[in-house]
Amino acid sequence: MADEKKESTPKRRKMNTLTLAEVEAELAECKEKQGGLISRYARQLQARKKALGG
């Protein structure tokens, strides 16, 4: 059963392990797919970006 899972979609990494470039890419993806940055995930990404100094 585990072999039947889609392997094309990558797992999300923990937010505290993302680099600044990865955070910006995730933010861009959120903005495109969700139409804005008001979701909880997007707000947490923005906080991580600020913590990294970006």
N, C-alpha and C. Protein backbone atom coordinates (compact mmCIF):
# COMPACT_ATOMS: atom_id res chain seq x y z
N MET A 1 0.80 -1.19 0.00
CA MET A 1 0.00 0.00 0.00
C MET A 1 0.85 1.26 0.00
N ALA A 2 1.92 1.25 0.75
CA ALA A 2 2.76 2.44 0.81
C ALA A 2 3.42 2.72 -0.54
N ASP A 3 3.61 1.67 -1.33
CA ASP A 3 4.22 1.85 -2.64
C ASP A 3 3.29 2.55 -3.61
N GLU A 4 1.99 2.55 -3.33
CA GLU A 4 1.03 3.13 -4.24
C GLU A 4 0.94 4.65 -4.10
N LYS A 5 1.55 5.21 -3.09
CA LYS A 5 1.51 6.66 -2.89
C LYS A 5 2.22 7.36 -4.03
N LYS A 6 1.77 8.57 -4.30
CA LYS A 6 2.45 9.37 -5.33
C LYS A 6 3.82 9.76 -4.80
N GLU A 7 4.82 9.49 -5.57
CA GLU A 7 6.16 9.88 -5.18
C GLU A 7 6.59 11.16 -5.90
N SER A 8 5.72 11.66 -6.76
CA SER A 8 6.07 12.86 -7.50
C SER A 8 5.91 14.11 -6.64
N THR A 9 5.04 14.07 -5.64
CA THR A 9 4.86 15.23 -4.77
C THR A 9 5.82 15.12 -3.59
N PRO A 10 6.70 16.11 -3.44
CA PRO A 10 7.67 16.04 -2.34
C PRO A 10 7.01 16.34 -1.01
N LYS A 11 7.59 15.76 0.03
CA LYS A 11 7.09 16.04 1.37
C LYS A 11 7.48 17.46 1.76
N ARG A 12 6.66 18.07 2.57
CA ARG A 12 7.01 19.39 3.09
C ARG A 12 8.03 19.21 4.19
N ARG A 13 9.00 20.09 4.19
CA ARG A 13 10.02 20.07 5.24
C ARG A 13 9.55 20.90 6.41
N LYS A 14 10.13 20.65 7.55
CA LYS A 14 9.80 21.46 8.71
C LYS A 14 10.20 22.90 8.43
N MET A 15 9.39 23.80 8.93
CA MET A 15 9.58 25.20 8.62
C MET A 15 10.91 25.73 9.17
N ASN A 16 11.33 25.23 10.31
CA ASN A 16 12.56 25.76 10.91
C ASN A 16 13.82 25.25 10.22
N THR A 17 13.68 24.38 9.21
CA THR A 17 14.84 23.92 8.46
C THR A 17 14.94 24.55 7.08
N LEU A 18 13.94 25.36 6.72
CA LEU A 18 13.94 26.00 5.40
C LEU A 18 14.94 27.14 5.35
N THR A 19 15.58 27.28 4.20
CA THR A 19 16.48 28.41 3.99
C THR A 19 15.67 29.60 3.49
N LEU A 20 16.30 30.75 3.41
CA LEU A 20 15.61 31.96 2.97
C LEU A 20 15.06 31.80 1.56
N ALA A 21 15.84 31.21 0.67
CA ALA A 21 15.40 31.01 -0.71
C ALA A 21 14.19 30.06 -0.76
N GLU A 22 14.21 29.02 0.05
CA GLU A 22 13.10 28.07 0.07
C GLU A 22 11.84 28.72 0.64
N VAL A 23 12.01 29.57 1.65
CA VAL A 23 10.88 30.28 2.24
C VAL A 23 10.24 31.19 1.21
N GLU A 24 11.07 31.92 0.47
CA GLU A 24 10.55 32.82 -0.56
C GLU A 24 9.82 32.05 -1.66
N ALA A 25 10.34 30.88 -2.02
CA ALA A 25 9.69 30.06 -3.04
C ALA A 25 8.34 29.56 -2.54
N GLU A 26 8.27 29.14 -1.29
CA GLU A 26 7.01 28.68 -0.71
C GLU A 26 6.00 29.82 -0.62
N LEU A 27 6.47 31.02 -0.27
CA LEU A 27 5.58 32.18 -0.22
C LEU A 27 5.01 32.50 -1.59
N ALA A 28 5.85 32.42 -2.61
CA ALA A 28 5.39 32.68 -3.97
C ALA A 28 4.35 31.64 -4.39
N GLU A 29 4.58 30.40 -4.01
CA GLU A 29 3.64 29.33 -4.33
C GLU A 29 2.31 29.54 -3.60
N CYS A 30 2.37 29.94 -2.34
CA CYS A 30 1.15 30.22 -1.58
C CYS A 30 0.37 31.36 -2.21
N LYS A 31 1.08 32.39 -2.61
CA LYS A 31 0.42 33.56 -3.20
C LYS A 31 -0.28 33.17 -4.50
N GLU A 32 0.37 32.32 -5.28
CA GLU A 32 -0.19 31.90 -6.56
C GLU A 32 -1.39 30.97 -6.37
N LYS A 33 -1.25 29.97 -5.51
CA LYS A 33 -2.29 28.97 -5.35
C LYS A 33 -3.46 29.45 -4.51
N GLN A 34 -3.17 30.24 -3.46
CA GLN A 34 -4.22 30.64 -2.53
C GLN A 34 -4.73 32.04 -2.81
N GLY A 35 -4.06 32.76 -3.67
CA GLY A 35 -4.51 34.09 -4.02
C GLY A 35 -4.15 35.16 -3.01
N GLY A 36 -3.28 34.87 -2.11
CA GLY A 36 -2.86 35.85 -1.11
C GLY A 36 -2.02 35.20 -0.04
N LEU A 37 -1.69 36.00 0.95
CA LEU A 37 -0.83 35.51 2.03
C LEU A 37 -1.54 35.63 3.38
N ILE A 38 -2.81 35.27 3.42
CA ILE A 38 -3.54 35.41 4.67
C ILE A 38 -3.72 34.08 5.41
N SER A 39 -3.29 32.98 4.81
CA SER A 39 -3.43 31.69 5.47
C SER A 39 -2.44 31.59 6.63
N ARG A 40 -2.70 30.69 7.51
CA ARG A 40 -1.83 30.49 8.68
C ARG A 40 -0.43 30.07 8.23
N TYR A 41 -0.37 29.17 7.25
CA TYR A 41 0.92 28.70 6.74
C TYR A 41 1.73 29.85 6.15
N ALA A 42 1.07 30.70 5.39
CA ALA A 42 1.75 31.85 4.78
C ALA A 42 2.26 32.81 5.84
N ARG A 43 1.45 33.03 6.88
CA ARG A 43 1.89 33.93 7.95
C ARG A 43 3.08 33.36 8.70
N GLN A 44 3.11 32.04 8.88
CA GLN A 44 4.25 31.41 9.54
C GLN A 44 5.50 31.49 8.66
N LEU A 45 5.31 31.35 7.35
CA LEU A 45 6.43 31.51 6.43
C LEU A 45 6.99 32.92 6.49
N GLN A 46 6.12 33.91 6.58
CA GLN A 46 6.56 35.29 6.67
C GLN A 46 7.33 35.53 7.97
N ALA A 47 6.90 34.91 9.04
CA ALA A 47 7.61 35.04 10.32
C ALA A 47 8.99 34.39 10.22
N ARG A 48 9.08 33.26 9.54
CA ARG A 48 10.36 32.57 9.36
C ARG A 48 11.30 33.43 8.51
N LYS A 49 10.75 34.06 7.48
CA LYS A 49 11.54 34.92 6.61
C LYS A 49 12.11 36.10 7.41
N LYS A 50 11.28 36.67 8.27
CA LYS A 50 11.73 37.79 9.10
C LYS A 50 12.81 37.34 10.07
N ALA A 51 12.67 36.13 10.61
CA ALA A 51 13.66 35.60 11.55
C ALA A 51 15.00 35.35 10.86
N LEU A 52 14.94 35.00 9.58
CA LEU A 52 16.17 34.75 8.83
C LEU A 52 16.82 36.05 8.36
N GLY A 53 16.10 37.13 8.50
CA GLY A 53 16.66 38.42 8.12
C GLY A 53 16.37 38.82 6.70
N GLY A 54 15.29 38.30 6.16
CA GLY A 54 14.98 38.61 4.76
C GLY A 54 13.86 39.51 4.56
